[in-house]
Each structure stands twice: as C-alpha cells, then as structure tokens.
Amino acid sequence: MKPVPIPQLDLTPQYETLQHELAAAMNKVLEEQKFILGPEVGMFERELAEYCDARYAVACASGSDALILALMELGLRPGDAVACPTYTFFATAGAIARLGLRIVFTDVDPSTYNMSLETLERALLSRPKVKAVIPVHLFGQACEPELDDAIRARGAAIVHDAAQAIGAIDARGCKLGCAGLACFSFFPSKNLGCYGDGGALTTGDPKQAEHLRRLRAHGAAQKYFHDEVGMNSRLDTLQAAVLRVKLPHLDAWNTERARAASHYAALFASEGAADSSVPLAAGGLALRIPRPPTEPARHVWNQYVVRVPAAKRDALKEHLGASGIGASIYYPKPLHLQPCFAAHGYQAGELPVSEAAALETLALPIFPELTDAQIERVVSEVVGFLKK
C-alpha cells in the first residue's frame, strides 16, 4: 500500500478548521451586497495596519498590483532606473517594466537569497543612477536592515516587496510593513492567503496612503472625478472578509511553520547537512539547509528551500514526486536571463549567485499542519536519495 501523499502545501486542514466562520463572514457580504470596497475592506485595512505596526494599510487586487501602485505613487518617469534582485518572482521586475522604467538587476546573498548590501552596492556602481530600490524579503525572511540605510544614503526611494513575508521581523526587531512603503500578497499560497488574488500596501505617510487609495480607483478621490490616471485595483469585499477571519490566526500559523522548519533543520543536521552559509563545494552531505536568523529577527517560512548540486536537483525532485512528496523549484531561471528582459543587456554569468541558486534550490513541503512524521518521511527520502 502506497503511503499517503505529502503535498508541498495543503490548505485543506486550515479550511476545515475555519469553514463555519468563513461561511458566516462571506454570507454577511452576500446579504449586504456591497462587493466593491464594502465595509469589510476598510475594517481589514485597519486590522492589517495594526498587525504590521503601520499607521495605514491600503488594500488592492493583488501583490503584483501593490508593486505597480507603489512605483506609481513615487512619481517615477519612464526611463528612470529601479533596482531589484534577479532571483525572485516575476512580479517584482514586471511591475518596473510595466511602467516603462529601466530595471537594474542585482545578485543575492548566497546564504539568504535576499538582496545583500554588497550586491546592491556593486550593482549601483556599475549601472546608471537608480531612483528606487525594491528589496525582496524572499521565502519569508527579512532582508538585512542596513540595506535601507544604504539606499536612503544614495537618495533613492525604497519599496519593500514583502509578498512572501507577512509577519517577518528584521534584525532590528521591526516587523515588515512598520516603516516605509511595503507591499504584500494574499495569493492563496501565502502565509495569509485569501480565496483568489489580493494584496495590500502599508505606509506611515497619510498623504501617501490617500494617494494610493486614489490610484487604486482610477485616480479618483470622488467617483467620476479623476485627478490623474490610476488603475482598477480594489480588493473584493468577499476577499477582505476571508482575510479578516484568517488574520487573527496568522501568528499561530507562522509559529507552526517555524516549528516545522526547526524539525527539518535538526533532522538534516543529524545526517550531516550544513547550513546555507557553507558552500556545496566544501563537501560533506550534498545538502545545504536554510540558515535561520538570530533574534530578534523572525523568519516566517513561506517556503523551506534547500540546496543540492545542480546535477542532482531535478532528479531529487522527480524522486520525491514518485514517492508522493511535493516539491517545487523557486525559481528555475533568474529574471535577468528571461527573454522578455533581453533588451536590458544582461548576459549569462553576470549575476552568478542567482544563476547557481536557480539550478540548485528546491522547496520542500511546509505548512502549519505538517506533522513531525511527515517531515521525517521527507527527510528520509531526501537523505536516502543523496546518499545513494
């Protein structure tokens, strides 16, 4: 008899726990018939701002739209340069390109896969003046806060892409979204996910918050009166209702994700795996596990990403799939090598850390309800394959 499959992400247990509360919340919206910017949206914005230790939150239709709205709010002009890491989801660079801005790609830190101070400064020295930078807090781990200091010292604006990192805390003890302009996604696979697309921005600036509210509604503060050209990007009231039910559970879910990550780390380490600060070339078991941050920083583990030699990565993924274990590759080709960005002039080998990560990383199952027994089975299959 085949063992029960272990998906990379399983949302069913979460739904089963909350289904009656979710049904009541959605039925209330159906009864009120206020589907666009209904009262649930405003209530969710206030609750989200409080959760993020921010003054304001502005909900929108997706995390991708949040990035576009943030860049629009900054008033950048076509041709202005915006820096972002190349090892990230497409939406980060896609938002820059959509507005006719020039993308300056940076490499990432080999331990965290986040944009690091060293890689950013190297990119800024070799490229034209950058008007804004988008640090991506990848896989649920906050970037080093010194990035913000360096970006501000150069006079550039900052847009934090925290799509995968709601609830994460940086090395200075600041929750993502508490300062500056930050973007979040509520895609179903995120730690706080709705039942479709959804996103939000947080800010401490009242004028910025008001401007974002106009931009998400075609640039109109009052219906049919348009101060500027915006876009249609409003969070559906039904999605806001779902998120209001889920938000009070987010910290508990993040704690369970951290529990799962810790169990993975202990088991892999007992088999000889080193953490991601040790290059694969150093030898030992051909596996590198995430290096967790030290307090007060908090990783929220949207993904649990390990690293293996490129020659074994795809075969390991196939082996896990054949064993009924879900695993995914984030991301198989860095953005600077994507055909749609060829005009920016980047060549293979130019951002080597990201290019290596694209060939060597693999995301293993992680979600709050993942059991110790399931984790032990995943570890057994991974280690068994690598030791063959």
Protein backbone atom coordinates (compact mmCIF):
# COMPACT_ATOMS: atom_id res chain seq x y z
CA MET A 1 0.00 0.00 0.00
CA LYS A 2 1.39 3.38 -1.04
CA PRO A 3 1.97 5.94 1.72
CA VAL A 4 -0.36 8.95 1.88
CA PRO A 5 0.97 11.76 -0.35
CA ILE A 6 2.55 14.81 1.27
CA PRO A 7 1.77 17.93 -0.76
CA GLN A 8 4.14 20.86 -0.70
CA LEU A 9 1.22 22.95 0.56
CA ASP A 10 -2.07 21.68 1.94
CA LEU A 11 -4.77 24.29 2.62
CA THR A 12 -7.49 21.77 3.42
CA PRO A 13 -6.80 21.48 7.19
CA GLN A 14 -6.92 25.26 7.53
CA TYR A 15 -10.25 25.41 5.73
CA GLU A 16 -11.73 22.61 7.79
CA THR A 17 -10.85 24.46 10.99
CA LEU A 18 -12.32 27.78 9.85
CA GLN A 19 -15.07 26.74 7.44
CA HIS A 20 -18.04 27.79 9.59
CA GLU A 21 -16.52 31.16 10.46
CA LEU A 22 -15.57 31.72 6.82
CA ALA A 23 -19.07 30.82 5.62
CA ALA A 24 -20.64 33.26 8.08
CA ALA A 25 -18.29 36.06 7.02
CA MET A 26 -18.92 35.51 3.31
CA ASN A 27 -22.68 35.14 3.78
CA LYS A 28 -22.71 38.50 5.54
CA VAL A 29 -21.15 40.11 2.46
CA LEU A 30 -23.66 38.36 0.19
CA GLU A 31 -26.51 39.65 2.32
CA GLU A 32 -25.18 43.22 2.32
CA GLN A 33 -24.47 43.14 -1.47
CA LYS A 34 -21.53 45.55 -1.16
CA PHE A 35 -18.95 43.70 -3.19
CA ILE A 36 -16.55 46.53 -4.12
CA LEU A 37 -14.85 48.45 -1.30
CA GLY A 38 -17.54 47.35 1.12
CA PRO A 39 -17.17 47.88 4.88
CA GLU A 40 -15.12 44.69 5.32
CA VAL A 41 -12.32 46.22 3.23
CA GLY A 42 -11.90 49.22 5.49
CA MET A 43 -12.04 47.04 8.60
CA PHE A 44 -9.42 44.71 7.17
CA GLU A 45 -7.17 47.65 6.30
CA ARG A 46 -7.28 48.90 9.88
CA GLU A 47 -6.61 45.43 11.29
CA LEU A 48 -3.76 44.81 8.87
CA ALA A 49 -2.15 48.16 9.72
CA GLU A 50 -2.35 47.30 13.41
CA TYR A 51 -0.84 43.87 12.79
CA CYS A 52 2.07 45.34 10.82
CA ASP A 53 2.66 48.16 13.35
CA ALA A 54 1.92 50.57 10.49
CA ARG A 55 -0.20 53.72 10.50
CA TYR A 56 -2.05 52.90 7.28
CA ALA A 57 -2.84 49.94 5.04
CA VAL A 58 -4.36 50.20 1.58
CA ALA A 59 -5.84 47.02 0.11
CA CYS A 60 -5.67 46.28 -3.61
CA ALA A 61 -6.37 43.49 -6.08
CA SER A 62 -3.06 41.61 -5.89
CA GLY A 63 0.51 41.70 -4.69
CA SER A 64 1.59 42.41 -8.26
CA ASP A 65 -0.68 45.45 -8.36
CA ALA A 66 0.67 46.58 -4.99
CA LEU A 67 4.14 46.85 -6.53
CA ILE A 68 2.83 48.79 -9.52
CA LEU A 69 0.83 51.14 -7.29
CA ALA A 70 3.89 51.75 -5.09
CA LEU A 71 6.03 52.72 -8.08
CA MET A 72 3.25 54.92 -9.46
CA GLU A 73 2.97 56.68 -6.10
CA LEU A 74 6.67 57.53 -6.20
CA GLY A 75 6.11 59.54 -9.37
CA LEU A 76 8.86 57.85 -11.36
CA ARG A 77 9.09 58.67 -15.06
CA PRO A 78 9.64 56.30 -17.99
CA GLY A 79 13.33 55.55 -18.27
CA ASP A 80 14.09 56.01 -14.57
CA ALA A 81 16.13 53.16 -13.12
CA VAL A 82 14.80 50.84 -10.40
CA ALA A 83 16.92 48.10 -8.84
CA CYS A 84 15.60 44.70 -7.77
CA PRO A 85 17.07 41.22 -7.28
CA THR A 86 17.07 38.87 -10.21
CA TYR A 87 16.30 35.84 -8.04
CA THR A 88 12.64 36.48 -7.23
CA PHE A 89 9.13 36.03 -8.61
CA PHE A 90 8.47 37.75 -11.93
CA ALA A 91 6.07 40.35 -10.49
CA THR A 92 8.89 42.34 -8.90
CA ALA A 93 10.60 43.17 -12.17
CA GLY A 94 7.33 43.00 -14.11
CA ALA A 95 5.99 45.97 -12.16
CA ILE A 96 9.06 48.02 -13.10
CA ALA A 97 8.77 47.10 -16.77
CA ARG A 98 5.01 47.75 -16.92
CA LEU A 99 5.64 51.42 -16.09
CA GLY A 100 8.37 51.87 -18.69
CA LEU A 101 11.11 52.03 -16.07
CA ARG A 102 14.62 50.63 -16.52
CA ILE A 103 15.46 47.53 -14.48
CA VAL A 104 18.79 47.26 -12.69
CA PHE A 105 19.15 43.64 -11.58
CA THR A 106 21.19 42.75 -8.51
CA ASP A 107 22.62 39.48 -7.33
CA VAL A 108 21.68 37.95 -3.97
CA ASP A 109 23.34 36.74 -0.81
CA PRO A 110 24.20 33.01 -1.14
CA SER A 111 23.04 32.29 2.42
CA THR A 112 19.65 34.01 2.47
CA TYR A 113 18.86 34.54 -1.25
CA ASN A 114 17.91 38.11 -0.33
CA MET A 115 19.45 41.21 -1.84
CA SER A 116 22.52 41.99 0.26
CA LEU A 117 24.28 45.28 0.84
CA GLU A 118 27.38 44.13 -1.04
CA THR A 119 25.48 43.01 -4.13
CA LEU A 120 23.37 46.16 -4.21
CA GLU A 121 26.35 48.49 -3.96
CA ARG A 122 28.12 46.58 -6.71
CA ALA A 123 25.08 46.98 -8.96
CA LEU A 124 24.76 50.68 -8.18
CA LEU A 125 28.39 51.29 -9.04
CA SER A 126 28.11 49.57 -12.42
CA ARG A 127 24.75 50.97 -13.56
CA PRO A 128 23.15 54.41 -14.07
CA LYS A 129 21.70 56.39 -11.18
CA VAL A 130 18.95 54.41 -9.51
CA LYS A 131 15.81 56.28 -8.38
CA ALA A 132 14.30 53.44 -6.34
CA VAL A 133 15.19 50.00 -4.98
CA ILE A 134 12.88 47.04 -4.32
CA PRO A 135 14.37 44.71 -1.70
CA VAL A 136 12.55 41.37 -1.77
CA HIS A 137 12.12 39.57 1.56
CA LEU A 138 12.30 36.16 -0.05
CA PHE A 139 10.80 32.92 1.26
CA GLY A 140 9.68 34.66 4.50
CA GLN A 141 12.99 36.12 5.74
CA ALA A 142 13.52 39.87 6.17
CA CYS A 143 16.46 41.49 4.40
CA GLU A 144 19.25 42.99 6.45
CA PRO A 145 18.05 46.43 7.62
CA GLU A 146 21.35 48.05 6.65
CA LEU A 147 20.04 47.90 3.08
CA ASP A 148 17.55 50.66 3.91
CA ASP A 149 20.32 52.84 5.35
CA ALA A 150 22.46 52.46 2.23
CA ILE A 151 19.55 53.10 -0.14
CA ARG A 152 18.48 56.26 1.68
CA ALA A 153 22.09 57.48 1.79
CA ARG A 154 22.09 57.40 -2.00
CA GLY A 155 18.84 59.37 -2.15
CA ALA A 156 16.81 56.52 -3.64
CA ALA A 157 13.28 55.55 -2.64
CA ILE A 158 12.51 52.13 -1.15
CA VAL A 159 9.63 49.78 -1.93
CA HIS A 160 9.68 46.65 0.21
CA ASP A 161 8.42 43.53 -1.57
CA ALA A 162 7.14 41.58 1.44
CA ALA A 163 4.77 39.41 -0.61
CA GLN A 164 6.15 36.23 0.97
CA ALA A 165 6.99 37.62 4.39
CA ILE A 166 3.98 38.98 6.26
CA GLY A 167 4.76 38.79 9.98
CA ALA A 168 8.53 38.59 9.49
CA ILE A 169 10.76 40.68 11.75
CA ASP A 170 14.14 42.11 10.77
CA ALA A 171 17.40 42.09 12.73
CA ARG A 172 16.49 45.36 14.45
CA GLY A 173 13.19 43.96 15.71
CA CYS A 174 11.00 45.82 13.20
CA LYS A 175 8.06 43.95 11.69
CA LEU A 176 7.92 44.23 7.90
CA GLY A 177 5.50 46.98 6.96
CA CYS A 178 6.04 49.01 10.13
CA ALA A 179 8.13 51.63 8.32
CA GLY A 180 8.31 52.94 4.79
CA LEU A 181 6.31 51.61 1.85
CA ALA A 182 5.73 47.85 1.82
CA CYS A 183 3.79 45.53 -0.48
CA PHE A 184 2.03 42.30 0.49
CA SER A 185 0.34 39.50 -1.42
CA PHE A 186 -2.62 37.41 -0.27
CA PHE A 187 -2.37 34.82 -3.03
CA PRO A 188 -3.71 31.52 -1.62
CA SER A 189 -0.23 30.02 -1.15
CA LYS A 190 0.94 32.88 1.08
CA ASN A 191 1.02 32.56 4.89
CA LEU A 192 -2.05 34.82 4.91
CA GLY A 193 -3.95 33.84 1.80
CA CYS A 194 -7.40 34.68 0.51
CA TYR A 195 -9.52 32.66 -1.94
CA GLY A 196 -8.23 34.31 -5.09
CA ASP A 197 -5.95 37.27 -5.69
CA GLY A 198 -5.46 40.04 -3.17
CA GLY A 199 -2.81 42.46 -1.98
CA ALA A 200 -2.10 45.49 0.15
CA LEU A 201 0.39 48.23 0.86
CA THR A 202 1.37 49.71 4.22
CA THR A 203 2.80 53.16 4.89
CA GLY A 204 3.24 55.63 7.70
CA ASP A 205 2.57 58.66 5.48
CA PRO A 206 -1.08 59.86 5.40
CA LYS A 207 -0.60 61.66 2.06
CA GLN A 208 0.94 58.55 0.56
CA ALA A 209 -1.94 56.40 1.82
CA GLU A 210 -4.52 58.78 0.37
CA HIS A 211 -2.69 58.88 -2.96
CA LEU A 212 -2.62 55.07 -3.10
CA ARG A 213 -6.37 54.96 -2.47
CA ARG A 214 -6.89 57.28 -5.44
CA LEU A 215 -4.53 55.34 -7.67
CA ARG A 216 -6.30 52.02 -6.99
CA ALA A 217 -9.62 53.60 -8.10
CA HIS A 218 -8.69 55.04 -11.50
CA GLY A 219 -7.05 58.09 -9.90
CA ALA A 220 -10.35 59.35 -8.48
CA ALA A 221 -10.88 60.58 -4.93
CA GLN A 222 -14.54 61.11 -5.86
CA LYS A 223 -16.36 58.89 -8.34
CA TYR A 224 -16.17 60.21 -11.92
CA PHE A 225 -13.72 62.99 -10.94
CA HIS A 226 -10.18 61.97 -11.86
CA ASP A 227 -7.12 63.89 -10.67
CA GLU A 228 -4.77 61.54 -12.51
CA VAL A 229 -4.69 58.26 -14.40
CA GLY A 230 -4.72 55.38 -11.93
CA MET A 231 -5.78 51.77 -12.29
CA ASN A 232 -8.60 49.46 -11.26
CA SER A 233 -7.13 47.54 -8.34
CA ARG A 234 -9.59 47.13 -5.48
CA LEU A 235 -9.67 44.21 -3.07
CA ASP A 236 -13.02 42.44 -3.35
CA THR A 237 -15.14 42.69 -0.20
CA LEU A 238 -15.50 38.89 -0.16
CA GLN A 239 -11.74 38.51 -0.07
CA ALA A 240 -11.46 41.08 2.71
CA ALA A 241 -13.99 39.07 4.72
CA VAL A 242 -11.93 35.91 4.28
CA LEU A 243 -8.74 37.70 5.31
CA ARG A 244 -10.38 39.16 8.42
CA VAL A 245 -11.24 35.64 9.56
CA LYS A 246 -7.69 34.41 8.92
CA LEU A 247 -5.60 37.32 10.19
CA PRO A 248 -6.04 36.57 13.94
CA HIS A 249 -4.57 33.10 13.30
CA LEU A 250 -1.51 34.27 11.35
CA ASP A 251 0.99 34.39 14.21
CA ALA A 252 0.00 30.90 15.37
CA TRP A 253 0.38 29.58 11.82
CA ASN A 254 3.78 31.25 11.48
CA THR A 255 4.84 29.65 14.77
CA GLU A 256 3.88 26.24 13.43
CA ARG A 257 5.81 26.87 10.23
CA ALA A 258 8.85 27.74 12.35
CA ARG A 259 8.32 24.52 14.33
CA ALA A 260 8.35 22.53 11.09
CA ALA A 261 11.47 24.33 9.83
CA SER A 262 13.26 23.65 13.11
CA HIS A 263 12.40 19.95 12.93
CA TYR A 264 13.66 19.77 9.34
CA ALA A 265 16.90 21.50 10.38
CA ALA A 266 17.57 19.19 13.32
CA LEU A 267 16.97 16.04 11.29
CA PHE A 268 19.01 17.16 8.28
CA ALA A 269 21.85 18.34 10.53
CA SER A 270 21.92 14.95 12.26
CA GLU A 271 22.53 13.42 8.82
CA GLY A 272 25.48 15.74 8.14
CA ALA A 273 23.86 18.64 6.31
CA ALA A 274 25.43 22.07 6.76
CA ASP A 275 23.54 25.34 6.59
CA SER A 276 23.41 27.64 3.58
CA SER A 277 26.43 29.68 4.70
CA VAL A 278 28.64 26.70 3.77
CA PRO A 279 29.23 26.27 0.01
CA LEU A 280 28.34 22.91 -1.51
CA ALA A 281 31.94 22.68 -2.68
CA ALA A 282 33.03 22.37 0.97
CA GLY A 283 31.95 18.72 0.89
CA GLY A 284 30.05 16.55 3.35
CA LEU A 285 26.46 15.60 2.67
CA ALA A 286 25.49 17.30 -0.59
CA LEU A 287 22.70 19.28 1.04
CA ARG A 288 22.51 22.80 2.43
CA ILE A 289 19.62 23.84 4.66
CA PRO A 290 18.35 27.37 5.40
CA ARG A 291 20.32 29.32 7.98
CA PRO A 292 17.72 30.83 10.34
CA PRO A 293 18.22 34.40 11.54
CA THR A 294 19.15 35.19 15.12
CA GLU A 295 16.81 37.05 17.48
CA PRO A 296 15.12 39.45 17.38
CA ALA A 297 14.71 38.58 13.70
CA ARG A 298 11.88 36.18 12.81
CA HIS A 299 11.61 34.07 9.67
CA VAL A 300 8.02 33.12 8.74
CA TRP A 301 8.93 30.27 6.37
CA ASN A 302 6.67 30.81 3.39
CA GLN A 303 8.98 28.28 1.76
CA TYR A 304 11.56 25.83 3.12
CA VAL A 305 14.28 25.87 0.48
CA VAL A 306 17.24 23.50 0.46
CA ARG A 307 20.21 23.40 -1.86
CA VAL A 308 21.77 20.40 -3.63
CA PRO A 309 24.23 20.08 -6.53
CA ALA A 310 22.72 21.13 -9.84
CA ALA A 311 23.37 17.69 -11.31
CA LYS A 312 21.12 16.12 -8.64
CA ARG A 313 18.40 18.75 -8.13
CA ASP A 314 15.93 17.78 -10.86
CA ALA A 315 16.43 14.09 -10.20
CA LEU A 316 15.74 14.63 -6.50
CA LYS A 317 12.52 16.47 -7.34
CA GLU A 318 11.44 13.58 -9.58
CA HIS A 319 12.33 11.06 -6.87
CA LEU A 320 10.25 12.93 -4.30
CA GLY A 321 7.34 13.16 -6.73
CA ALA A 322 7.48 9.42 -7.37
CA SER A 323 7.41 8.94 -3.58
CA GLY A 324 4.29 11.07 -3.26
CA ILE A 325 6.09 14.13 -1.87
CA GLY A 326 5.50 17.56 -3.35
CA ALA A 327 8.46 19.81 -4.12
CA SER A 328 8.88 22.89 -6.29
CA ILE A 329 11.66 24.90 -7.90
CA TYR A 330 11.77 28.59 -6.95
CA TYR A 331 13.00 29.90 -9.43
CA PRO A 332 14.35 27.90 -12.42
CA LYS A 333 15.62 30.89 -14.42
CA PRO A 334 16.67 34.23 -12.91
CA LEU A 335 14.90 37.27 -14.26
CA HIS A 336 17.91 38.85 -15.96
CA LEU A 337 18.03 35.83 -18.30
CA GLN A 338 14.31 35.84 -19.14
CA PRO A 339 13.68 36.52 -22.86
CA CYS A 340 11.30 39.41 -22.12
CA PHE A 341 14.14 41.31 -20.39
CA ALA A 342 16.80 40.64 -23.04
CA ALA A 343 16.80 44.30 -24.07
CA HIS A 344 18.27 45.24 -20.69
CA GLY A 345 21.53 43.69 -21.85
CA TYR A 346 22.38 41.18 -19.15
CA GLN A 347 24.39 38.09 -20.03
CA ALA A 348 24.73 34.63 -18.51
CA GLY A 349 27.42 34.64 -15.84
CA GLU A 350 26.86 38.28 -14.91
CA LEU A 351 24.93 37.50 -11.70
CA PRO A 352 26.45 34.15 -10.73
CA VAL A 353 24.99 33.63 -7.24
CA SER A 354 21.44 33.87 -8.54
CA GLU A 355 22.24 31.71 -11.56
CA ALA A 356 23.62 28.99 -9.30
CA ALA A 357 20.64 29.21 -6.94
CA ALA A 358 18.27 28.74 -9.88
CA LEU A 359 19.97 25.41 -10.64
CA GLU A 360 20.48 24.14 -7.09
CA THR A 361 17.49 25.08 -4.91
CA LEU A 362 14.39 23.04 -4.13
CA ALA A 363 11.41 23.90 -1.91
CA LEU A 364 10.17 21.11 0.35
CA PRO A 365 6.72 20.78 1.93
CA ILE A 366 5.93 23.31 4.64
CA PHE A 367 2.61 24.43 6.08
CA PRO A 368 1.33 24.84 9.65
CA GLU A 369 -0.34 21.44 9.88
CA LEU A 370 2.68 19.49 8.56
CA THR A 371 3.30 16.74 11.12
CA ASP A 372 6.62 15.56 12.55
CA ALA A 373 6.01 12.16 10.96
CA GLN A 374 5.55 13.76 7.54
CA ILE A 375 8.72 15.81 7.99
CA GLU A 376 10.64 12.69 8.99
CA ARG A 377 9.46 10.92 5.85
CA VAL A 378 10.53 13.83 3.64
CA VAL A 379 13.95 13.93 5.29
CA SER A 380 14.36 10.18 4.91
CA GLU A 381 13.60 10.34 1.18
CA VAL A 382 15.89 13.32 0.57
CA VAL A 383 18.82 11.93 2.53
CA GLY A 384 18.35 8.42 1.16
CA PHE A 385 18.47 9.75 -2.41
CA LEU A 386 21.56 11.89 -1.79
CA LYS A 387 23.46 9.07 -0.07
CA LYS A 388 22.82 6.51 -2.82
